Amino acid sequence: MTENTGFEAFKLYTALKLHFTSDSYDYQRYNGKTNVSKETFTRRKDRYYFYKLSRKYGLEQLRDFYVANFVSGNDKWVGSMLQDGEENYTKWTKIQQSLTYPFENDIIYMSDKHHPLDWIYPRNGNDYPMLLKEMMQGGIALETVVILVDMMELLPMWKERIQEDIIWPSYKLTIQKYIPFVNYDKNKFRNILRENIKENA
């Protein structure tokens, strides 16, 4: 296992930032590799932050720390992460450790409030499906939307139907890029979805 150093922390940050902010770079596909050099790193004025993070976390933990912060919607600069990132990471870790709990609660909540078809279909090109609306308003977790999008393969349809081009592209990118980092049992979560829609529809 590679030892975490300031440079390794910087490489990981660069790869994950590229993954979550660009359409073309895929962290999994390129195995986290980028073309950053030690020379680039030593010229950065913020390299101190990476040394600090490398002393606090191992590389696997640091990967999760970065992911938690990149999907939080907050400032993606490493200095900001050091100030506010621990809270984001703690919340993210709790959700990952018990994904079934928030997912089931969110499905029950959605079933109580909205018809299932309204969850996934926007009513017109400038509107959002209720799943997106509820997530944007803090009613349900991002992870719930990511799981449903992955299970039901919703993104192609949403990309075609949602025409709003100011807010949606940012959410679309986050959802799309977050999918590989949300580990869940598809059969188990399909059953949770099926059972709770049936009971609460």
Foldseek 3Di string as FASTA:
>chain_A
DDQQALVNLVLQLVLVVCLLPDPPRACVVVVSDDDDDVVNLVPDPPSVLSRVVSVVDGPVLSNLLLLLVSLPPDDNDSVVCVVPSVVSSVVSVVCLVCVVVLLLVLLLVCLQPHQPVQQQDAPAQQGGRVVVVCCVVVNGDLLNVLLCCVLVVRLVVCVVTHNDDDPVVSSSSSSVSCNVVRDDDSVVSVVSNVVSNVVRD
